[in-house]
Amino acid sequence: MRAIVKTKPGTGFELIDVPKPEIGPHDALIRVKAVGICGTDVHIYQWDAWSRARIRPPVVGGHEFVGVVEALGRDVRHIEPGVRVSGEGHITCGHCRFCRTGRAHICQNVRIIGIDRDGCFADYLSMPADNLWPVPDEIADRHAAIFDPLGNAMHSVTAADISGRSVLIIGAGAIGLFSTAIARAAGASKVLVSEPNAMKREIAARVGADVVFDPAAGDIGAALLEATEGLGSEVVMEMSGSAAGLKSAFGFVQNGGDVVLLGLPADEVAVNWARDIIFKGITIHAVSGRRMYDTWYRCQRFLLGGRVDIDPVITHTIRLEDFEKGFEALLTGKAAKVVMTL
């Protein structure tokens, strides 16, 4: 089969032929129909410090997908061949304290497809059948393929109480844009977005932002205060992973507010803990992955109910063999979300 593989250390992926994956007694073989390129995939493509420490080539990339169940292991009973599915890419152990207390998203033994084991950038994918998510017919492939990052956004937005409160989203990458749409649908009183990329600011406005800021144009503090009754935002969601964005998150949240952290800084970031955190009396929410499987249910209901429009975020749809074009668009800031079809 065809697969986009991190064949060796260094920049890039390669499209090569590899054996079709085998399945164990509890697994499913999925014929992949569409996949999303994630920011994590971009990190692996660039071979940054995180990738060098985590990835052990060769490994098939990708963890966002939709496909059709083609074969099942002998012990699988709850799903049938021919069912269209997405899937939770975090393969958890099921027996650590976190898994056994409803917190599998922070499993201490987690293995992630496309990172720790072969992923979905291929014609076929093998994974535990318990991780599959049957997709209703009403949800299009382009949406089902990106349930993973949509779930990250849902987890982030629901980490703090946002109903009737002002929300500032720092960083309008795909997850930041999904969060904008969800925050609007979930009852935020005002949704503000800070993003240096003009295209992404325009998308943010289309999916629900009331106010968009360009942090590259100068200090946005005065404009933010004007938009929030002089107090700062009640909830700040940091999605960029930049040092400047992280510092801004703590600087722009109002006293007693909430800061939700999803973006991953490349290095350590110094923060004024006394001034910006302790004396403000704020609450910090650290978000990792999706809550299994609460955020999957929520995302599905939002999509089926027509409460969020995520199509503006999907800026590029390409074929698998054109994957280099997708990565180039993301690396140059010309794309928000790229979906590849097979």
Protein backbone atom coordinates (compact mmCIF):
# COMPACT_ATOMS: atom_id res chain seq x y z
CA MET A 1 0.00 0.00 0.00
CA ARG A 2 0.97 3.67 -0.26
CA ALA A 3 2.08 5.45 2.89
CA ILE A 4 3.60 8.78 3.86
CA VAL A 5 6.48 7.74 6.09
CA LYS A 6 9.08 9.40 8.25
CA THR A 7 11.76 7.10 6.91
CA LYS A 8 14.77 8.64 8.65
CA PRO A 9 15.81 11.56 10.85
CA GLY A 10 15.70 14.92 9.07
CA THR A 11 13.27 17.22 7.32
CA GLY A 12 10.33 15.85 5.35
CA PHE A 13 8.28 12.71 4.74
CA GLU A 14 8.42 10.21 1.88
CA LEU A 15 5.57 8.59 -0.06
CA ILE A 16 6.58 4.94 -0.44
CA ASP A 17 5.09 1.47 -0.74
CA VAL A 18 4.88 -0.50 2.51
CA PRO A 19 3.16 -3.76 3.51
CA LYS A 20 -0.52 -3.57 4.42
CA PRO A 21 -0.78 -3.67 8.24
CA GLU A 22 -1.79 -6.84 10.03
CA ILE A 23 -4.47 -6.90 12.73
CA GLY A 24 -4.60 -8.62 16.08
CA PRO A 25 -7.65 -10.22 17.73
CA HIS A 26 -8.94 -6.90 19.12
CA ASP A 27 -8.03 -4.72 16.12
CA ALA A 28 -9.71 -3.38 13.01
CA LEU A 29 -8.31 -2.80 9.55
CA ILE A 30 -9.59 0.49 8.11
CA ARG A 31 -9.49 1.51 4.47
CA VAL A 32 -8.67 5.19 4.81
CA LYS A 33 -10.76 7.72 2.84
CA ALA A 34 -9.49 11.10 4.08
CA VAL A 35 -6.95 12.44 6.56
CA GLY A 36 -6.09 15.78 8.10
CA ILE A 37 -2.62 17.26 8.43
CA CYS A 38 -2.09 18.36 12.02
CA GLY A 39 0.32 20.84 13.56
CA THR A 40 2.04 17.85 15.15
CA ASP A 41 2.62 16.41 11.67
CA VAL A 42 4.24 19.71 10.72
CA HIS A 43 6.57 19.44 13.74
CA ILE A 44 7.54 15.94 12.61
CA TYR A 45 8.02 17.16 9.02
CA GLN A 46 10.35 19.92 10.26
CA TRP A 47 12.15 17.48 12.60
CA ASP A 48 12.23 19.96 15.47
CA ALA A 49 13.57 19.33 18.97
CA TRP A 50 10.34 17.67 20.15
CA SER A 51 10.30 15.33 17.14
CA ARG A 52 13.94 14.39 17.58
CA ALA A 53 13.25 13.41 21.18
CA ARG A 54 10.00 11.51 20.51
CA ILE A 55 9.90 9.99 17.01
CA ARG A 56 11.71 6.76 16.16
CA PRO A 57 11.75 6.36 12.35
CA PRO A 58 10.52 4.65 10.33
CA VAL A 59 6.90 5.45 11.20
CA VAL A 60 3.82 6.14 9.06
CA GLY A 61 2.56 9.63 9.89
CA GLY A 62 -0.89 10.99 10.61
CA HIS A 63 -3.54 10.65 13.32
CA GLU A 64 -6.64 12.38 11.91
CA PHE A 65 -8.77 10.20 9.63
CA VAL A 66 -12.04 8.81 8.37
CA GLY A 67 -12.34 5.46 6.66
CA VAL A 68 -14.31 2.25 6.30
CA VAL A 69 -13.85 -0.89 8.38
CA GLU A 70 -12.51 -3.58 6.05
CA ALA A 71 -11.65 -6.42 8.43
CA LEU A 72 -11.91 -7.23 12.13
CA GLY A 73 -9.94 -9.29 14.61
CA ARG A 74 -11.56 -12.48 15.82
CA ASP A 75 -12.60 -11.05 19.22
CA VAL A 76 -14.27 -7.86 17.97
CA ARG A 77 -18.06 -7.99 18.38
CA HIS A 78 -19.33 -4.40 18.63
CA ILE A 79 -18.74 -3.19 15.07
CA GLU A 80 -19.16 -4.65 11.58
CA PRO A 81 -17.19 -4.43 8.32
CA GLY A 82 -18.39 -1.66 6.03
CA VAL A 83 -19.02 0.85 8.82
CA ARG A 84 -17.58 4.34 8.24
CA VAL A 85 -15.44 5.40 11.19
CA SER A 86 -13.13 7.99 12.61
CA GLY A 87 -11.06 7.10 15.64
CA GLU A 88 -9.35 8.25 18.81
CA GLY A 89 -5.64 8.23 18.00
CA HIS A 90 -4.50 7.96 21.63
CA ILE A 91 -4.12 4.26 22.37
CA THR A 92 -4.36 3.98 26.14
CA CYS A 93 -3.31 1.15 28.43
CA GLY A 94 -6.66 0.82 30.22
CA HIS A 95 -5.11 -0.19 33.54
CA CYS A 96 -3.16 2.78 34.95
CA ARG A 97 -4.77 4.96 37.64
CA PHE A 98 -5.75 7.62 35.11
CA CYS A 99 -7.45 5.19 32.73
CA ARG A 100 -9.29 3.55 35.62
CA THR A 101 -10.60 6.87 36.96
CA GLY A 102 -12.07 8.34 33.77
CA ARG A 103 -8.95 10.27 32.75
CA ALA A 104 -7.64 8.18 29.90
CA HIS A 105 -6.67 11.32 27.97
CA ILE A 106 -3.70 11.61 30.36
CA CYS A 107 -2.86 7.88 30.42
CA GLN A 108 0.71 7.47 31.60
CA ASN A 109 1.36 4.73 29.02
CA VAL A 110 -0.36 6.29 26.01
CA ARG A 111 0.82 5.47 22.48
CA ILE A 112 -0.35 7.75 19.67
CA ILE A 113 -0.86 6.68 16.07
CA GLY A 114 1.43 8.52 13.69
CA ILE A 115 3.84 9.22 16.53
CA ASP A 116 4.55 6.13 18.63
CA ARG A 117 3.08 3.64 16.13
CA ASP A 118 2.10 3.68 12.46
CA GLY A 119 -0.59 6.20 11.62
CA CYS A 120 -3.23 6.98 9.02
CA PHE A 121 -1.28 8.64 6.17
CA ALA A 122 -1.76 5.43 4.21
CA ASP A 123 -4.27 3.39 2.25
CA TYR A 124 -4.90 1.21 5.31
CA LEU A 125 -4.65 1.63 9.07
CA SER A 126 -4.70 -0.94 11.87
CA MET A 127 -5.79 0.10 15.35
CA PRO A 128 -7.74 -1.24 18.34
CA ALA A 129 -11.41 -1.54 17.44
CA ASP A 130 -12.40 0.00 20.79
CA ASN A 131 -10.89 3.28 19.59
CA LEU A 132 -13.15 3.54 16.54
CA TRP A 133 -15.95 6.08 16.31
CA PRO A 134 -18.81 5.19 13.90
CA VAL A 135 -19.72 8.29 11.90
CA PRO A 136 -23.35 9.18 11.08
CA ASP A 137 -24.15 9.50 7.38
CA GLU A 138 -25.05 13.17 7.87
CA ILE A 139 -21.44 14.07 8.69
CA ALA A 140 -19.28 14.54 5.59
CA ASP A 141 -15.88 12.86 5.20
CA ARG A 142 -14.08 16.23 5.32
CA HIS A 143 -15.56 16.83 8.78
CA ALA A 144 -15.24 13.28 10.09
CA ALA A 145 -11.56 13.26 9.13
CA ILE A 146 -10.84 16.11 11.55
CA PHE A 147 -12.79 15.03 14.63
CA ASP A 148 -9.43 14.82 16.43
CA PRO A 149 -8.51 18.54 16.30
CA LEU A 150 -12.16 19.54 16.62
CA GLY A 151 -12.15 17.49 19.82
CA ASN A 152 -9.06 19.36 21.04
CA ALA A 153 -10.97 22.59 20.51
CA MET A 154 -14.07 21.25 22.26
CA HIS A 155 -11.97 20.09 25.21
CA SER A 156 -10.32 23.53 25.40
CA VAL A 157 -13.54 25.53 25.21
CA THR A 158 -15.32 23.37 27.78
CA ALA A 159 -12.39 23.36 30.21
CA ALA A 160 -13.63 26.67 31.64
CA ASP A 161 -17.12 28.10 32.06
CA ILE A 162 -17.51 30.42 29.06
CA SER A 163 -21.27 30.98 28.95
CA GLY A 164 -21.97 34.71 29.15
CA ARG A 165 -18.25 35.52 29.50
CA SER A 166 -15.72 37.20 27.24
CA VAL A 167 -13.24 34.83 25.56
CA LEU A 168 -9.89 35.79 24.01
CA ILE A 169 -8.30 33.19 21.72
CA ILE A 170 -4.59 33.70 21.06
CA GLY A 171 -3.54 31.96 17.86
CA ALA A 172 -5.95 31.20 15.01
CA GLY A 173 -4.49 28.00 13.68
CA ALA A 174 -7.00 25.26 12.93
CA ILE A 175 -7.72 24.46 16.59
CA GLY A 176 -7.93 28.14 17.50
CA LEU A 177 -10.42 28.66 14.66
CA PHE A 178 -12.47 25.62 15.68
CA SER A 179 -12.44 27.00 19.24
CA THR A 180 -13.72 30.34 17.94
CA ALA A 181 -16.71 28.68 16.31
CA ILE A 182 -17.44 26.50 19.34
CA ALA A 183 -17.09 29.40 21.81
CA ARG A 184 -19.59 31.42 19.80
CA ALA A 185 -22.04 28.48 19.67
CA ALA A 186 -21.54 27.71 23.36
CA GLY A 187 -22.70 31.13 24.52
CA ALA A 188 -19.63 33.33 25.00
CA SER A 189 -20.72 36.95 25.41
CA LYS A 190 -17.87 38.17 23.21
CA VAL A 191 -15.26 36.25 21.22
CA LEU A 192 -11.96 38.00 20.54
CA VAL A 193 -9.12 36.55 18.47
CA SER A 194 -5.46 37.58 18.27
CA GLU A 195 -3.67 36.33 15.14
CA PRO A 196 -0.88 37.84 12.98
CA ASN A 197 -1.92 36.05 9.76
CA ALA A 198 -4.43 38.14 7.78
CA MET A 199 -6.07 35.13 6.10
CA LYS A 200 -6.67 33.44 9.42
CA ARG A 201 -8.05 36.65 10.95
CA GLU A 202 -10.57 36.78 8.11
CA ILE A 203 -11.58 33.16 8.76
CA ALA A 204 -11.91 33.89 12.48
CA ALA A 205 -14.40 36.65 11.71
CA ARG A 206 -16.36 34.28 9.45
CA VAL A 207 -16.68 31.56 12.08
CA GLY A 208 -17.75 33.75 14.97
CA ALA A 209 -15.17 36.26 16.25
CA ASP A 210 -16.61 39.63 17.28
CA VAL A 211 -13.21 41.35 17.28
CA VAL A 212 -9.91 40.31 15.69
CA PHE A 213 -6.53 41.76 16.59
CA ASP A 214 -3.22 41.75 14.73
CA PRO A 215 -0.53 41.43 17.43
CA ALA A 216 2.15 42.13 14.80
CA ALA A 217 0.74 45.64 14.37
CA GLY A 218 1.69 46.59 17.93
CA ASP A 219 0.51 46.22 21.51
CA ILE A 220 -3.13 45.12 21.48
CA GLY A 221 -3.58 45.72 25.22
CA ALA A 222 -5.45 49.02 24.89
CA ALA A 223 -7.81 47.67 22.24
CA LEU A 224 -8.46 44.56 24.33
CA LEU A 225 -9.28 46.63 27.41
CA GLU A 226 -11.64 48.78 25.37
CA ALA A 227 -13.45 45.64 24.18
CA THR A 228 -13.72 44.17 27.70
CA GLU A 229 -14.94 47.08 29.83
CA GLY A 230 -11.38 47.93 30.86
CA LEU A 231 -10.89 44.65 32.74
CA GLY A 232 -9.32 42.19 30.33
CA SER A 233 -10.88 38.98 29.08
CA GLU A 234 -12.65 36.68 31.51
CA VAL A 235 -11.31 33.60 29.71
CA VAL A 236 -8.11 33.46 27.65
CA MET A 237 -7.29 30.45 25.48
CA GLU A 238 -3.64 30.19 24.40
CA MET A 239 -3.46 28.17 21.18
CA SER A 240 -0.32 29.51 19.49
CA GLY A 241 2.39 27.87 21.57
CA SER A 242 4.54 30.97 21.18
CA ALA A 243 6.37 32.53 24.12
CA ALA A 244 4.77 35.90 23.35
CA GLY A 245 1.33 34.31 23.20
CA LEU A 246 1.80 32.56 26.53
CA LYS A 247 2.92 35.73 28.27
CA SER A 248 0.03 37.63 26.70
CA ALA A 249 -2.44 35.03 27.97
CA PHE A 250 -1.54 35.78 31.57
CA GLY A 251 -1.25 39.51 30.94
CA PHE A 252 -4.63 39.87 29.21
CA VAL A 253 -6.78 37.75 31.54
CA GLN A 254 -8.74 39.75 34.07
CA ASN A 255 -8.49 39.20 37.82
CA GLY A 256 -10.21 35.97 38.82
CA GLY A 257 -10.35 34.78 35.22
CA ASP A 258 -9.42 31.51 33.55
CA VAL A 259 -6.48 30.70 31.26
CA VAL A 260 -6.74 27.61 29.06
CA LEU A 261 -3.43 26.33 27.70
CA LEU A 262 -3.26 24.09 24.62
CA GLY A 263 -0.39 25.51 22.53
CA LEU A 264 2.99 23.87 23.12
CA PRO A 265 5.99 26.20 23.51
CA ALA A 266 9.20 24.97 21.91
CA ASP A 267 11.25 25.98 24.97
CA GLU A 268 10.80 27.06 28.56
CA VAL A 269 8.94 30.37 29.00
CA ALA A 270 9.49 32.73 31.91
CA VAL A 271 6.28 34.04 33.50
CA ASN A 272 5.82 36.58 36.29
CA TRP A 273 4.03 34.22 38.64
CA ALA A 274 3.37 36.75 41.40
CA ARG A 275 2.02 39.59 39.25
CA ASP A 276 0.21 37.69 36.51
CA ILE A 277 -1.02 34.55 38.24
CA ILE A 278 -1.00 34.53 42.05
CA PHE A 279 -2.07 38.12 42.77
CA LYS A 280 -4.65 37.95 39.97
CA GLY A 281 -6.22 34.88 41.52
CA ILE A 282 -6.62 33.18 38.14
CA THR A 283 -7.29 29.53 37.34
CA ILE A 284 -5.13 27.67 34.81
CA HIS A 285 -6.51 24.76 32.78
CA ALA A 286 -3.99 22.58 30.94
CA VAL A 287 -5.54 20.71 28.01
CA SER A 288 -4.16 17.47 26.59
CA GLY A 289 -5.94 15.66 23.78
CA ARG A 290 -9.64 14.88 23.97
CA ARG A 291 -11.70 13.57 26.87
CA MET A 292 -12.50 10.00 25.94
CA TYR A 293 -15.12 10.03 24.80
CA ASP A 294 -17.09 12.97 26.12
CA THR A 295 -15.69 15.47 23.62
CA TRP A 296 -16.41 13.07 20.73
CA TYR A 297 -20.10 13.05 21.66
CA ARG A 298 -20.13 16.83 22.01
CA CYS A 299 -18.44 17.40 18.64
CA GLN A 300 -20.87 15.08 16.92
CA ARG A 301 -23.88 16.81 18.46
CA PHE A 302 -22.58 20.27 17.50
CA LEU A 303 -22.05 19.16 13.89
CA LEU A 304 -25.37 17.31 13.58
CA GLY A 305 -27.21 20.24 15.12
CA GLY A 306 -25.67 22.70 12.69
CA ARG A 307 -24.33 24.76 15.58
CA VAL A 308 -20.85 25.21 14.15
CA ASP A 309 -19.64 25.88 10.61
CA ILE A 310 -16.11 24.53 10.22
CA ASP A 311 -15.94 24.58 6.43
CA PRO A 312 -14.17 27.99 6.30
CA VAL A 313 -11.32 26.46 8.31
CA ILE A 314 -10.69 23.75 5.70
CA THR A 315 -8.77 25.90 3.25
CA HIS A 316 -7.15 23.13 1.19
CA THR A 317 -8.30 19.71 -0.01
CA ILE A 318 -5.64 17.73 -1.89
CA ARG A 319 -4.81 14.18 -2.90
CA LEU A 320 -2.51 12.04 -0.74
CA GLU A 321 0.18 12.02 -3.43
CA ASP A 322 0.31 15.83 -3.31
CA PHE A 323 1.16 15.89 0.41
CA GLU A 324 4.17 18.15 -0.12
CA LYS A 325 1.83 20.91 -1.31
CA GLY A 326 -0.18 20.59 1.87
CA PHE A 327 2.82 20.87 4.14
CA GLU A 328 4.16 23.80 2.13
CA ALA A 329 0.84 25.65 2.48
CA LEU A 330 0.86 25.13 6.24
CA LEU A 331 4.52 26.06 6.67
CA THR A 332 4.10 29.29 4.69
CA GLY A 333 0.91 30.34 6.49
CA LYS A 334 -1.27 29.95 3.39
CA ALA A 335 -3.47 27.23 4.89
CA ALA A 336 -5.49 26.80 8.06
CA LYS A 337 -6.54 23.17 7.76
CA VAL A 338 -5.48 20.75 5.01
CA VAL A 339 -7.47 17.58 4.29
CA MET A 340 -6.00 14.89 2.04
CA THR A 341 -8.22 12.43 0.19
CA LEU A 342 -7.28 8.93 -0.90
